[in-house]
Amino acid sequence: MQRPDPSSDRRLALKARLVAVVLAATVILWMGAQWLGGQMGWETRYVFLFDFAALAAFVWAIVVTYQIWRERQR
């Protein structure tokens, strides 16, 4: 049985923390943009720009989370 590599665990923990920060910041910024867009009467195309940016961040977070999961399986 192999011993766990502390540096690998630390690297995975940092990646997981980065995913958590990106998810939290994405939600806060997306909600703020939606509110601000409603208050300022922005056109729909600008609001959709924020939606697509949030979707891109969520997809990135899913991909990185999958990579972390796969690395932990090894």
PDB file of N, CA and C in Angstrom:
ATOM      1  N   MET A   1       0.849  -1.177   0.000  1.00  0.00           N
ATOM      2  CA  MET A   1       0.000   0.000   0.000  1.00  0.00           C
ATOM      3  C   MET A   1       0.894   1.240   0.000  1.00  0.00           C
ATOM      4  N   GLN A   2       0.559   2.200  -0.843  1.00  0.00           N
ATOM      5  CA  GLN A   2       1.374   3.407  -0.957  1.00  0.00           C
ATOM      6  C   GLN A   2       0.960   4.437   0.084  1.00  0.00           C
ATOM      7  N   ARG A   3       1.950   5.178   0.524  1.00  0.00           N
ATOM      8  CA  ARG A   3       1.668   6.269   1.443  1.00  0.00           C
ATOM      9  C   ARG A   3       1.188   7.468   0.634  1.00  0.00           C
ATOM     10  N   PRO A   4       0.236   8.211   1.163  1.00  0.00           N
ATOM     11  CA  PRO A   4      -0.210   9.408   0.444  1.00  0.00           C
ATOM     12  C   PRO A   4       0.897  10.452   0.380  1.00  0.00           C
ATOM     13  N   ASP A   5       0.974  11.115  -0.737  1.00  0.00           N
ATOM     14  CA  ASP A   5       1.984  12.145  -0.938  1.00  0.00           C
ATOM     15  C   ASP A   5       1.466  13.467  -0.367  1.00  0.00           C
ATOM     16  N   PRO A   6       2.117  14.020   0.674  1.00  0.00           N
ATOM     17  CA  PRO A   6       1.628  15.264   1.281  1.00  0.00           C
ATOM     18  C   PRO A   6       1.612  16.439   0.303  1.00  0.00           C
ATOM     19  N   SER A   7       2.591  16.489  -0.595  1.00  0.00           N
ATOM     20  CA  SER A   7       2.606  17.611  -1.534  1.00  0.00           C
ATOM     21  C   SER A   7       1.454  17.502  -2.522  1.00  0.00           C
ATOM     22  N   SER A   8       1.101  16.286  -2.900  1.00  0.00           N
ATOM     23  CA  SER A   8      -0.033  16.088  -3.809  1.00  0.00           C
ATOM     24  C   SER A   8      -1.340  16.471  -3.116  1.00  0.00           C
ATOM     25  N   ASP A   9      -1.486  16.063  -1.858  1.00  0.00           N
ATOM     26  CA  ASP A   9      -2.689  16.423  -1.109  1.00  0.00           C
ATOM     27  C   ASP A   9      -2.805  17.933  -0.951  1.00  0.00           C
ATOM     28  N   ARG A  10      -1.695  18.580  -0.702  1.00  0.00           N
ATOM     29  CA  ARG A  10      -1.704  20.040  -0.546  1.00  0.00           C
ATOM     30  C   ARG A  10      -2.096  20.715  -1.863  1.00  0.00           C
ATOM     31  N   ARG A  11      -1.556  20.208  -2.968  1.00  0.00           N
ATOM     32  CA  ARG A  11      -1.878  20.770  -4.288  1.00  0.00           C
ATOM     33  C   ARG A  11      -3.369  20.599  -4.595  1.00  0.00           C
ATOM     34  N   LEU A  12      -3.908  19.431  -4.280  1.00  0.00           N
ATOM     35  CA  LEU A  12      -5.332  19.202  -4.516  1.00  0.00           C
ATOM     36  C   LEU A  12      -6.195  20.085  -3.617  1.00  0.00           C
ATOM     37  N   ALA A  13      -5.754  20.286  -2.387  1.00  0.00           N
ATOM     38  CA  ALA A  13      -6.497  21.154  -1.474  1.00  0.00           C
ATOM     39  C   ALA A  13      -6.501  22.595  -1.981  1.00  0.00           C
ATOM     40  N   LEU A  14      -5.378  23.044  -2.511  1.00  0.00           N
ATOM     41  CA  LEU A  14      -5.326  24.406  -3.060  1.00  0.00           C
ATOM     42  C   LEU A  14      -6.227  24.542  -4.277  1.00  0.00           C
ATOM     43  N   LYS A  15      -6.259  23.505  -5.126  1.00  0.00           N
ATOM     44  CA  LYS A  15      -7.153  23.537  -6.287  1.00  0.00           C
ATOM     45  C   LYS A  15      -8.612  23.568  -5.846  1.00  0.00           C
ATOM     46  N   ALA A  16      -8.939  22.778  -4.833  1.00  0.00           N
ATOM     47  CA  ALA A  16     -10.312  22.755  -4.326  1.00  0.00           C
ATOM     48  C   ALA A  16     -10.695  24.102  -3.729  1.00  0.00           C
ATOM     49  N   ARG A  17      -9.758  24.729  -3.018  1.00  0.00           N
ATOM     50  CA  ARG A  17     -10.025  26.049  -2.452  1.00  0.00           C
ATOM     51  C   ARG A  17     -10.240  27.083  -3.560  1.00  0.00           C
ATOM     52  N   LEU A  18      -9.452  26.989  -4.625  1.00  0.00           N
ATOM     53  CA  LEU A  18      -9.621  27.898  -5.757  1.00  0.00           C
ATOM     54  C   LEU A  18     -10.994  27.726  -6.397  1.00  0.00           C
ATOM     55  N   VAL A  19     -11.428  26.477  -6.533  1.00  0.00           N
ATOM     56  CA  VAL A  19     -12.763  26.226  -7.085  1.00  0.00           C
ATOM     57  C   VAL A  19     -13.828  26.856  -6.199  1.00  0.00           C
ATOM     58  N   ALA A  20     -13.695  26.712  -4.896  1.00  0.00           N
ATOM     59  CA  ALA A  20     -14.675  27.281  -3.973  1.00  0.00           C
ATOM     60  C   ALA A  20     -14.721  28.804  -4.076  1.00  0.00           C
ATOM     61  N   VAL A  21     -13.555  29.433  -4.163  1.00  0.00           N
ATOM     62  CA  VAL A  21     -13.506  30.899  -4.274  1.00  0.00           C
ATOM     63  C   VAL A  21     -14.120  31.358  -5.598  1.00  0.00           C
ATOM     64  N   VAL A  22     -13.803  30.658  -6.675  1.00  0.00           N
ATOM     65  CA  VAL A  22     -14.352  31.031  -7.979  1.00  0.00           C
ATOM     66  C   VAL A  22     -15.874  30.877  -7.985  1.00  0.00           C
ATOM     67  N   LEU A  23     -16.381  29.797  -7.415  1.00  0.00           N
ATOM     68  CA  LEU A  23     -17.833  29.604  -7.368  1.00  0.00           C
ATOM     69  C   LEU A  23     -18.510  30.697  -6.541  1.00  0.00           C
ATOM     70  N   ALA A  24     -17.973  30.992  -5.379  1.00  0.00           N
ATOM     71  CA  ALA A  24     -18.575  32.026  -4.527  1.00  0.00           C
ATOM     72  C   ALA A  24     -18.522  33.398  -5.203  1.00  0.00           C
ATOM     73  N   ALA A  25     -17.377  33.733  -5.779  1.00  0.00           N
ATOM     74  CA  ALA A  25     -17.252  35.035  -6.443  1.00  0.00           C
ATOM     75  C   ALA A  25     -18.166  35.120  -7.665  1.00  0.00           C
ATOM     76  N   THR A  26     -18.287  34.028  -8.390  1.00  0.00           N
ATOM     77  CA  THR A  26     -19.147  34.019  -9.575  1.00  0.00           C
ATOM     78  C   THR A  26     -20.595  34.292  -9.194  1.00  0.00           C
ATOM     79  N   VAL A  27     -21.062  33.605  -8.175  1.00  0.00           N
ATOM     80  CA  VAL A  27     -22.455  33.793  -7.754  1.00  0.00           C
ATOM     81  C   VAL A  27     -22.690  35.225  -7.283  1.00  0.00           C
ATOM     82  N   ILE A  28     -21.771  35.748  -6.486  1.00  0.00           N
ATOM     83  CA  ILE A  28     -21.944  37.112  -5.960  1.00  0.00           C
ATOM     84  C   ILE A  28     -21.903  38.139  -7.090  1.00  0.00           C
ATOM     85  N   LEU A  29     -20.918  38.004  -7.979  1.00  0.00           N
ATOM     86  CA  LEU A  29     -20.819  38.956  -9.087  1.00  0.00           C
ATOM     87  C   LEU A  29     -21.987  38.832 -10.055  1.00  0.00           C
ATOM     88  N   TRP A  30     -22.429  37.606 -10.307  1.00  0.00           N
ATOM     89  CA  TRP A  30     -23.551  37.413 -11.228  1.00  0.00           C
ATOM     90  C   TRP A  30     -24.831  38.025 -10.653  1.00  0.00           C
ATOM     91  N   MET A  31     -25.076  37.788  -9.360  1.00  0.00           N
ATOM     92  CA  MET A  31     -26.275  38.366  -8.745  1.00  0.00           C
ATOM     93  C   MET A  31     -26.185  39.892  -8.723  1.00  0.00           C
ATOM     94  N   GLY A  32     -24.992  40.410  -8.442  1.00  0.00           N
ATOM     95  CA  GLY A  32     -24.813  41.858  -8.454  1.00  0.00           C
ATOM     96  C   GLY A  32     -25.029  42.457  -9.832  1.00  0.00           C
ATOM     97  N   ALA A  33     -24.550  41.773 -10.856  1.00  0.00           N
ATOM     98  CA  ALA A  33     -24.738  42.257 -12.227  1.00  0.00           C
ATOM     99  C   ALA A  33     -26.203  42.212 -12.622  1.00  0.00           C
ATOM    100  N   GLN A  34     -26.910  41.175 -12.198  1.00  0.00           N
ATOM    101  CA  GLN A  34     -28.342  41.087 -12.510  1.00  0.00           C
ATOM    102  C   GLN A  34     -29.113  42.227 -11.840  1.00  0.00           C
ATOM    103  N   TRP A  35     -28.792  42.482 -10.587  1.00  0.00           N
ATOM    104  CA  TRP A  35     -29.470  43.562  -9.866  1.00  0.00           C
ATOM    105  C   TRP A  35     -29.137  44.918 -10.490  1.00  0.00           C
ATOM    106  N   LEU A  36     -27.844  45.138 -10.748  1.00  0.00           N
ATOM    107  CA  LEU A  36     -27.412  46.416 -11.308  1.00  0.00           C
ATOM    108  C   LEU A  36     -28.011  46.624 -12.702  1.00  0.00           C
ATOM    109  N   GLY A  37     -28.058  45.569 -13.490  1.00  0.00           N
ATOM    110  CA  GLY A  37     -28.657  45.672 -14.821  1.00  0.00           C
ATOM    111  C   GLY A  37     -30.126  46.031 -14.758  1.00  0.00           C
ATOM    112  N   GLY A  38     -30.826  45.479 -13.772  1.00  0.00           N
ATOM    113  CA  GLY A  38     -32.244  45.820 -13.604  1.00  0.00           C
ATOM    114  C   GLY A  38     -32.439  47.250 -13.151  1.00  0.00           C
ATOM    115  N   GLN A  39     -31.555  47.716 -12.277  1.00  0.00           N
ATOM    116  CA  GLN A  39     -31.669  49.081 -11.773  1.00  0.00           C
ATOM    117  C   GLN A  39     -31.319  50.121 -12.839  1.00  0.00           C
ATOM    118  N   MET A  40     -30.349  49.795 -13.685  1.00  0.00           N
ATOM    119  CA  MET A  40     -29.889  50.760 -14.679  1.00  0.00           C
ATOM    120  C   MET A  40     -30.573  50.589 -16.033  1.00  0.00           C
ATOM    121  N   GLY A  41     -31.396  49.562 -16.172  1.00  0.00           N
ATOM    122  CA  GLY A  41     -32.126  49.358 -17.415  1.00  0.00           C
ATOM    123  C   GLY A  41     -31.238  48.905 -18.573  1.00  0.00           C
ATOM    124  N   TRP A  42     -30.250  48.071 -18.287  1.00  0.00           N
ATOM    125  CA  TRP A  42     -29.361  47.589 -19.333  1.00  0.00           C
ATOM    126  C   TRP A  42     -30.135  46.764 -20.357  1.00  0.00           C
ATOM    127  N   GLU A  43     -29.621  46.763 -21.558  1.00  0.00           N
ATOM    128  CA  GLU A  43     -30.215  45.936 -22.596  1.00  0.00           C
ATOM    129  C   GLU A  43     -30.001  44.461 -22.260  1.00  0.00           C
ATOM    130  N   THR A  44     -30.871  43.638 -22.802  1.00  0.00           N
ATOM    131  CA  THR A  44     -30.824  42.209 -22.518  1.00  0.00           C
ATOM    132  C   THR A  44     -29.504  41.582 -22.960  1.00  0.00           C
ATOM    133  N   ARG A  45     -28.948  42.056 -24.051  1.00  0.00           N
ATOM    134  CA  ARG A  45     -27.708  41.449 -24.537  1.00  0.00           C
ATOM    135  C   ARG A  45     -26.553  41.637 -23.554  1.00  0.00           C
ATOM    136  N   TYR A  46     -26.538  42.721 -22.803  1.00  0.00           N
ATOM    137  CA  TYR A  46     -25.490  42.917 -21.809  1.00  0.00           C
ATOM    138  C   TYR A  46     -25.704  42.007 -20.593  1.00  0.00           C
ATOM    139  N   VAL A  47     -26.943  41.817 -20.241  1.00  0.00           N
ATOM    140  CA  VAL A  47     -27.249  40.927 -19.125  1.00  0.00           C
ATOM    141  C   VAL A  47     -26.888  39.494 -19.495  1.00  0.00           C
ATOM    142  N   PHE A  48     -27.159  39.092 -20.740  1.00  0.00           N
ATOM    143  CA  PHE A  48     -26.785  37.749 -21.197  1.00  0.00           C
ATOM    144  C   PHE A  48     -25.273  37.568 -21.209  1.00  0.00           C
ATOM    145  N   LEU A  49     -24.537  38.629 -21.422  1.00  0.00           N
ATOM    146  CA  LEU A  49     -23.079  38.544 -21.367  1.00  0.00           C
ATOM    147  C   LEU A  49     -22.619  38.090 -19.985  1.00  0.00           C
ATOM    148  N   PHE A  50     -23.219  38.635 -18.945  1.00  0.00           N
ATOM    149  CA  PHE A  50     -22.898  38.204 -17.585  1.00  0.00           C
ATOM    150  C   PHE A  50     -23.354  36.772 -17.332  1.00  0.00           C
ATOM    151  N   ASP A  51     -24.502  36.400 -17.914  1.00  0.00           N
ATOM    152  CA  ASP A  51     -24.964  35.021 -17.773  1.00  0.00           C
ATOM    153  C   ASP A  51     -23.966  34.040 -18.383  1.00  0.00           C
ATOM    154  N   PHE A  52     -23.489  34.347 -19.570  1.00  0.00           N
ATOM    155  CA  PHE A  52     -22.545  33.453 -20.237  1.00  0.00           C
ATOM    156  C   PHE A  52     -21.199  33.412 -19.506  1.00  0.00           C
ATOM    157  N   ALA A  53     -20.775  34.523 -18.953  1.00  0.00           N
ATOM    158  CA  ALA A  53     -19.537  34.531 -18.169  1.00  0.00           C
ATOM    159  C   ALA A  53     -19.696  33.654 -16.924  1.00  0.00           C
ATOM    160  N   ALA A  54     -20.848  33.722 -16.282  1.00  0.00           N
ATOM    161  CA  ALA A  54     -21.098  32.884 -15.111  1.00  0.00           C
ATOM    162  C   ALA A  54     -21.146  31.412 -15.515  1.00  0.00           C
ATOM    163  N   LEU A  55     -21.782  31.106 -16.632  1.00  0.00           N
ATOM    164  CA  LEU A  55     -21.807  29.725 -17.109  1.00  0.00           C
ATOM    165  C   LEU A  55     -20.405  29.206 -17.403  1.00  0.00           C
ATOM    166  N   ALA A  56     -19.568  30.036 -17.987  1.00  0.00           N
ATOM    167  CA  ALA A  56     -18.189  29.632 -18.267  1.00  0.00           C
ATOM    168  C   ALA A  56     -17.439  29.333 -16.964  1.00  0.00           C
ATOM    169  N   ALA A  57     -17.651  30.143 -15.954  1.00  0.00           N
ATOM    170  CA  ALA A  57     -16.996  29.906 -14.661  1.00  0.00           C
ATOM    171  C   ALA A  57     -17.503  28.613 -14.028  1.00  0.00           C
ATOM    172  N   PHE A  58     -18.803  28.352 -14.153  1.00  0.00           N
ATOM    173  CA  PHE A  58     -19.358  27.113 -13.599  1.00  0.00           C
ATOM    174  C   PHE A  58     -18.828  25.884 -14.339  1.00  0.00           C
ATOM    175  N   VAL A  59     -18.715  25.966 -15.645  1.00  0.00           N
ATOM    176  CA  VAL A  59     -18.162  24.851 -16.417  1.00  0.00           C
ATOM    177  C   VAL A  59     -16.707  24.621 -16.022  1.00  0.00           C
ATOM    178  N   TRP A  60     -15.939  25.689 -15.876  1.00  0.00           N
ATOM    179  CA  TRP A  60     -14.550  25.561 -15.447  1.00  0.00           C
ATOM    180  C   TRP A  60     -14.482  24.874 -14.082  1.00  0.00           C
ATOM    181  N   ALA A  61     -15.352  25.277 -13.163  1.00  0.00           N
ATOM    182  CA  ALA A  61     -15.346  24.690 -11.825  1.00  0.00           C
ATOM    183  C   ALA A  61     -15.687  23.203 -11.875  1.00  0.00           C
ATOM    184  N   ILE A  62     -16.622  22.820 -12.733  1.00  0.00           N
ATOM    185  CA  ILE A  62     -16.973  21.409 -12.861  1.00  0.00           C
ATOM    186  C   ILE A  62     -15.799  20.618 -13.411  1.00  0.00           C
ATOM    187  N   VAL A  63     -15.128  21.152 -14.415  1.00  0.00           N
ATOM    188  CA  VAL A  63     -13.977  20.455 -15.007  1.00  0.00           C
ATOM    189  C   VAL A  63     -12.859  20.281 -13.978  1.00  0.00           C
ATOM    190  N   VAL A  64     -12.541  21.324 -13.245  1.00  0.00           N
ATOM    191  CA  VAL A  64     -11.473  21.236 -12.250  1.00  0.00           C
ATOM    192  C   VAL A  64     -11.874  20.303 -11.106  1.00  0.00           C
ATOM    193  N   THR A  65     -13.130  20.342 -10.694  1.00  0.00           N
ATOM    194  CA  THR A  65     -13.595  19.430  -9.654  1.00  0.00           C
ATOM    195  C   THR A  65     -13.494  17.986 -10.120  1.00  0.00           C
ATOM    196  N   TYR A  66     -13.810  17.721 -11.373  1.00  0.00           N
ATOM    197  CA  TYR A  66     -13.669  16.376 -11.936  1.00  0.00           C
ATOM    198  C   TYR A  66     -12.200  15.955 -11.942  1.00  0.00           C
ATOM    199  N   GLN A  67     -11.314  16.874 -12.299  1.00  0.00           N
ATOM    200  CA  GLN A  67      -9.882  16.565 -12.277  1.00  0.00           C
ATOM    201  C   GLN A  67      -9.411  16.232 -10.863  1.00  0.00           C
ATOM    202  N   ILE A  68      -9.883  16.970  -9.880  1.00  0.00           N
ATOM    203  CA  ILE A  68      -9.528  16.693  -8.486  1.00  0.00           C
ATOM    204  C   ILE A  68     -10.035  15.318  -8.088  1.00  0.00           C
ATOM    205  N   TRP A  69     -11.259  15.021  -8.437  1.00  0.00           N
ATOM    206  CA  TRP A  69     -11.845  13.730  -8.099  1.00  0.00           C
ATOM    207  C   TRP A  69     -11.054  12.578  -8.721  1.00  0.00           C
ATOM    208  N   ARG A  70     -10.700  12.737 -10.010  1.00  0.00           N
ATOM    209  CA  ARG A  70      -9.931  11.695 -10.702  1.00  0.00           C
ATOM    210  C   ARG A  70      -8.547  11.517 -10.057  1.00  0.00           C
ATOM    211  N   GLU A  71      -7.942  12.600  -9.653  1.00  0.00           N
ATOM    212  CA  GLU A  71      -6.620  12.526  -9.020  1.00  0.00           C
ATOM    213  C   GLU A  71      -6.712  11.823  -7.662  1.00  0.00           C
ATOM    214  N   ARG A  72      -7.796  12.060  -6.930  1.00  0.00           N
ATOM    215  CA  ARG A  72      -7.968  11.408  -5.632  1.00  0.00           C
ATOM    216  C   ARG A  72      -8.222   9.904  -5.785  1.00  0.00           C
ATOM    217  N   GLN A  73      -8.759   9.486  -6.949  1.00  0.00           N
ATOM    218  CA  GLN A  73      -9.024   8.068  -7.186  1.00  0.00           C
ATOM    219  C   GLN A  73      -7.730   7.281  -7.395  1.00  0.00           C
ATOM    220  N   ARG A  74      -6.671   7.945  -7.798  1.00  0.00           N
ATOM    221  CA  ARG A  74      -5.400   7.264  -8.050  1.00  0.00           C
ATOM    222  C   ARG A  74      -4.663   6.922  -6.794  1.00  0.00           C
TER     223      ARG A  74
END
